[in-house]
Each structure stands twice: as structure tokens, then as C-alpha cells.
């Protein structure tokens, strides 16, 4: 007998694999095309409409919305970079927008010239460590286990501190300036000259 058959049944066009009794290709009355198995497009794939990628029974999908010129990801559908579990993911869990690294390295935001040269860090988030900020490739600030460290001059239009919180100056924190609810205090290990 024949390996394949072509028929139209109720307005549905079918190509059936008779050796497996399976419909391999069909066109429904509404124009929907169904293909059983993978589609190999050696010449590329060109479409003028939306394209939806279904995750199967979980009903979490990715849609290329042609009219909006954007990819839409359902909640908890991830963009993943890298191999296996050691990857970098971007997704929304329905409440929060999340950028997550599953490896020991750093998350870096960089900038460069149009041709990709002169690459410089702007922000680094270090696994189990600090977050660093860069100005034109030079580190100017970072979080620490004790708070926040700034390299260079800090400009501010005000400084608001609770009682007994101190401004510490000098290599060994030799000069302290603070308020302890009742008094304004300046203490020093050396001379104070005004």
C-alpha cells in the first residue's frame, strides 16, 4: 500500500502517514495549519503576523506581537542565557520583575562605543558581595557589610542623621561629630582648631 494519503474530510485537508496511521499535516477550515513533529526551515522563517510559542500543558507562553513589535512573556516564563542551570535569567513572577544569576560570577551592566570597543563597567553586582557603581569605568561607590563606601567627593543638599549617629573623620576615625539627644558633641584624639 501507499505510505502516505491525501484526503479532505469535512473541509479539513489532511496528509496522513499510513504506515503509522497518523496525520502528519492538516489545514483546518479556519486556515489553521497543524504539523505533527518538528519543522525544519533551512531557508529561514518569515511571518507577517503574530507568532506564539506554547509551553505545553502549563499554558505559559511567549508571544511575538507583530502589531506591537514586541515579545510578550507570561508570568514565570524566563529569558535564559548560558548553559544548563548555570545561567542568567530575566522574568516576571507576576508581582516582581527579576534579574537573576545562577552562577558565582558578577552581574555587570556595561557601556561601549558603537563598534563594541572601549568597554567599561557601569554597575557590578557581585555574588554574595557588594554592589559597585562606576563613573566612566572607575569605581566611585560600593555597598559594604557596614553600609556604603564612596570614593572621592560626595555632594549633597542635606544630611539627616538620628541621635548618636556619628560623622567620623580621619584614618582612625579620630574626629567625631554627633548629637546625643541633649548636646552637640565634637570629640577628638588630638587638638581641635577652629
Protein backbone atom coordinates (compact mmCIF):
# COMPACT_ATOMS: atom_id res chain seq x y z
CA UNK A 1 0.00 0.00 0.00
CA UNK A 2 0.86 3.66 -0.09
CA UNK A 3 2.94 5.18 2.67
CA UNK A 4 1.02 8.49 2.62
CA UNK A 5 -2.51 9.51 1.70
CA UNK A 6 -4.10 12.89 0.99
CA UNK A 7 -7.76 13.49 1.70
CA UNK A 8 -10.28 16.19 2.55
CA UNK A 9 -12.66 15.32 5.37
CA UNK A 10 -15.34 17.85 6.41
CA UNK A 11 -13.36 20.66 4.80
CA UNK A 12 -10.13 19.65 6.59
CA UNK A 13 -7.16 18.89 4.34
CA UNK A 14 -5.04 16.01 5.69
CA UNK A 15 -1.78 14.31 4.81
CA UNK A 16 -1.69 11.02 6.68
CA UNK A 17 1.21 8.64 7.33
CA UNK A 18 -0.49 5.34 6.58
CA UNK A 19 2.41 3.30 8.00
CA UNK A 20 1.74 4.81 11.44
CA UNK A 21 -1.92 5.75 10.89
CA UNK A 22 -1.04 9.33 11.93
CA UNK A 23 -2.00 12.66 10.39
CA UNK A 24 1.30 14.47 9.78
CA UNK A 25 -0.11 17.65 8.25
CA UNK A 26 -3.55 19.25 8.20
CA UNK A 27 -5.24 22.53 7.31
CA UNK A 28 -8.43 23.19 9.26
CA UNK A 29 -11.46 25.01 7.86
CA UNK A 30 -10.39 28.21 9.70
CA UNK A 31 -6.97 28.10 7.99
CA UNK A 32 -5.03 26.83 10.98
CA UNK A 33 -2.12 24.60 9.94
CA UNK A 34 -1.23 21.69 12.21
CA UNK A 35 2.05 19.83 11.83
CA UNK A 36 2.96 16.73 13.85
CA UNK A 37 6.67 16.84 14.58
CA UNK A 38 9.40 19.42 14.08
CA UNK A 39 9.53 21.88 11.22
CA UNK A 40 13.00 22.35 9.72
CA UNK A 41 13.25 25.71 7.96
CA UNK A 42 16.67 25.69 6.31
CA UNK A 43 15.80 28.83 4.37
CA UNK A 44 14.53 30.71 7.45
CA UNK A 45 11.03 31.50 8.67
CA UNK A 46 9.18 34.64 7.62
CA UNK A 47 5.81 35.62 9.03
CA UNK A 48 3.66 38.73 8.76
CA UNK A 49 1.52 38.01 11.83
CA UNK A 50 1.85 37.07 15.49
CA UNK A 51 3.87 34.01 16.49
CA UNK A 52 3.10 32.15 19.72
CA UNK A 53 5.41 29.65 21.40
CA UNK A 54 3.44 27.32 23.68
CA UNK A 55 4.98 25.62 26.70
CA UNK A 56 2.57 22.71 26.51
CA UNK A 57 0.18 21.82 29.30
CA UNK A 58 1.43 24.59 31.64
CA UNK A 59 -0.24 27.27 29.45
CA UNK A 60 2.68 29.68 29.94
CA UNK A 61 3.61 31.13 26.59
CA UNK A 62 5.78 33.55 24.65
CA UNK A 63 4.06 35.67 22.03
CA UNK A 64 5.66 37.79 19.35
CA UNK A 65 3.08 40.52 18.92
CA UNK A 66 3.64 41.80 15.39
CA UNK A 67 1.44 44.88 15.78
CA UNK A 68 3.28 45.97 18.95
CA UNK A 69 6.69 44.83 17.62
CA UNK A 70 7.49 43.11 20.92
CA UNK A 71 7.90 39.75 22.63
CA UNK A 72 5.37 39.14 25.42
CA UNK A 73 6.28 36.64 28.13
CA UNK A 74 3.68 35.17 30.50
CA UNK A 75 4.49 35.25 34.22
CA UNK A 76 7.38 32.96 35.20
CA UNK A 77 8.37 32.39 31.56
CA UNK A 78 12.06 33.23 31.52
CA UNK A 79 14.63 34.61 29.11
CA UNK A 80 17.66 32.44 29.84
CA UNK A 81 21.30 32.96 28.83
CA UNK A 82 24.05 30.38 29.29
CA UNK A 83 24.17 26.60 29.54
CA UNK A 84 22.23 24.39 31.93
CA UNK A 85 21.50 25.53 35.46
CA UNK A 86 24.50 27.91 35.46
CA UNK A 87 22.64 30.60 33.61
CA UNK A 88 21.30 34.13 33.81
CA UNK A 89 17.55 34.72 33.72
CA UNK A 90 15.16 37.64 33.32
CA UNK A 91 11.47 37.20 34.15
CA UNK A 92 8.39 38.47 35.99
CA UNK A 93 6.78 36.35 38.69
CA UNK A 94 3.51 38.28 38.49
CA UNK A 95 4.49 40.62 41.33
CA UNK A 96 8.15 41.49 40.84
CA UNK A 97 10.47 41.97 37.86
CA UNK A 98 13.54 39.80 38.41
CA UNK A 99 17.08 39.67 37.01
CA UNK A 100 18.72 36.56 38.49
CA UNK A 101 22.11 34.91 38.10
CA UNK A 102 22.51 31.21 38.92
CA UNK A 103 26.31 31.29 38.90
CA UNK A 104 29.17 32.59 41.05
CA UNK A 105 30.22 35.39 38.72
CA UNK A 106 29.19 39.03 38.65
CA UNK A 107 26.19 40.67 37.04
CA UNK A 108 27.60 43.59 35.05
CA UNK A 109 25.99 46.49 33.24
CA UNK A 110 28.48 47.92 30.75
CA UNK A 111 28.66 50.52 28.01
CA UNK A 112 30.89 50.77 24.97
CA UNK A 113 31.45 52.64 21.73
CA UNK A 114 29.13 51.90 18.80
CA UNK A 115 31.66 49.43 17.36
CA UNK A 116 31.89 47.49 20.66
CA UNK A 117 35.29 48.86 21.65
CA UNK A 118 36.19 50.77 24.83
CA UNK A 119 34.02 48.58 27.06
CA UNK A 120 33.57 49.99 30.58
CA UNK A 121 31.64 48.81 33.62
CA UNK A 122 28.77 50.95 34.91
CA UNK A 123 27.36 48.65 37.62
CA UNK A 124 28.61 45.36 39.12
CA UNK A 125 26.58 43.10 41.41
CA UNK A 126 28.95 40.56 42.96
CA UNK A 127 27.63 37.19 44.14
CA UNK A 128 27.47 37.13 47.98
CA UNK A 129 29.18 40.52 47.98
CA UNK A 130 28.90 44.17 47.17
CA UNK A 131 27.21 46.25 44.51
CA UNK A 132 29.62 48.64 42.81
CA UNK A 133 28.93 51.84 40.86
CA UNK A 134 31.34 53.17 38.22
CA UNK A 135 31.86 56.57 36.62
CA UNK A 136 33.39 56.23 33.15
CA UNK A 137 34.84 52.85 34.13
CA UNK A 138 36.24 53.97 37.51
CA UNK A 139 34.68 52.65 40.71
CA UNK A 140 33.22 55.53 42.74
CA UNK A 141 30.93 53.76 45.26
CA UNK A 142 30.12 50.34 46.68
CA UNK A 143 27.98 48.68 49.33
CA UNK A 144 29.83 47.08 52.24
CA UNK A 145 28.85 44.83 55.13
CA UNK A 146 28.77 48.01 57.24
CA UNK A 147 26.87 50.21 54.81
CA UNK A 148 28.06 52.36 51.90
CA UNK A 149 31.53 53.45 50.79
CA UNK A 150 32.13 56.37 48.42
CA UNK A 151 35.43 57.09 46.68
CA UNK A 152 36.06 60.79 46.07
CA UNK A 153 33.90 63.79 46.85
CA UNK A 154 30.22 63.47 47.81
CA UNK A 155 27.82 66.30 47.02
CA UNK A 156 24.52 66.57 48.90
CA UNK A 157 21.84 69.17 49.56
CA UNK A 158 21.43 67.88 53.12
CA UNK A 159 22.40 65.28 55.72
CA UNK A 160 19.77 63.91 58.13
CA UNK A 161 21.01 61.61 60.91
CA UNK A 162 19.38 60.17 64.05
CA UNK A 163 20.64 60.96 67.55
CA UNK A 164 24.02 59.44 68.49
CA UNK A 165 24.85 58.59 64.86
CA UNK A 166 28.30 59.97 64.22
CA UNK A 167 30.20 61.65 61.42
CA UNK A 168 33.65 60.04 61.62
CA UNK A 169 36.67 61.77 60.11
CA UNK A 170 40.32 60.76 59.86
CA UNK A 171 42.07 57.48 59.08
CA UNK A 172 41.43 56.13 62.58
CA UNK A 173 38.08 57.91 62.98
CA UNK A 174 39.96 60.44 65.15
CA UNK A 175 37.27 63.12 64.93
CA UNK A 176 33.63 62.52 65.82
CA UNK A 177 30.73 64.93 65.32
CA UNK A 178 27.29 63.94 66.60
CA UNK A 179 24.21 64.82 68.65
CA UNK A 180 23.13 62.69 71.62
CA UNK A 181 19.56 63.99 72.18
CA UNK A 182 20.65 66.81 74.53
CA UNK A 183 24.06 68.01 73.39
CA UNK A 184 26.05 68.76 70.26
CA UNK A 185 29.38 66.98 70.64
CA UNK A 186 32.74 67.13 68.90
CA UNK A 187 35.34 64.69 70.20
CA UNK A 188 38.89 64.20 69.01
CA UNK A 189 42.04 62.24 69.84
CA UNK A 190 44.06 65.37 69.06
CA UNK A 191 43.72 69.13 69.05
CA UNK A 192 40.65 70.82 67.64
CA UNK A 193 41.33 74.12 65.88
CA UNK A 194 38.50 76.42 64.83
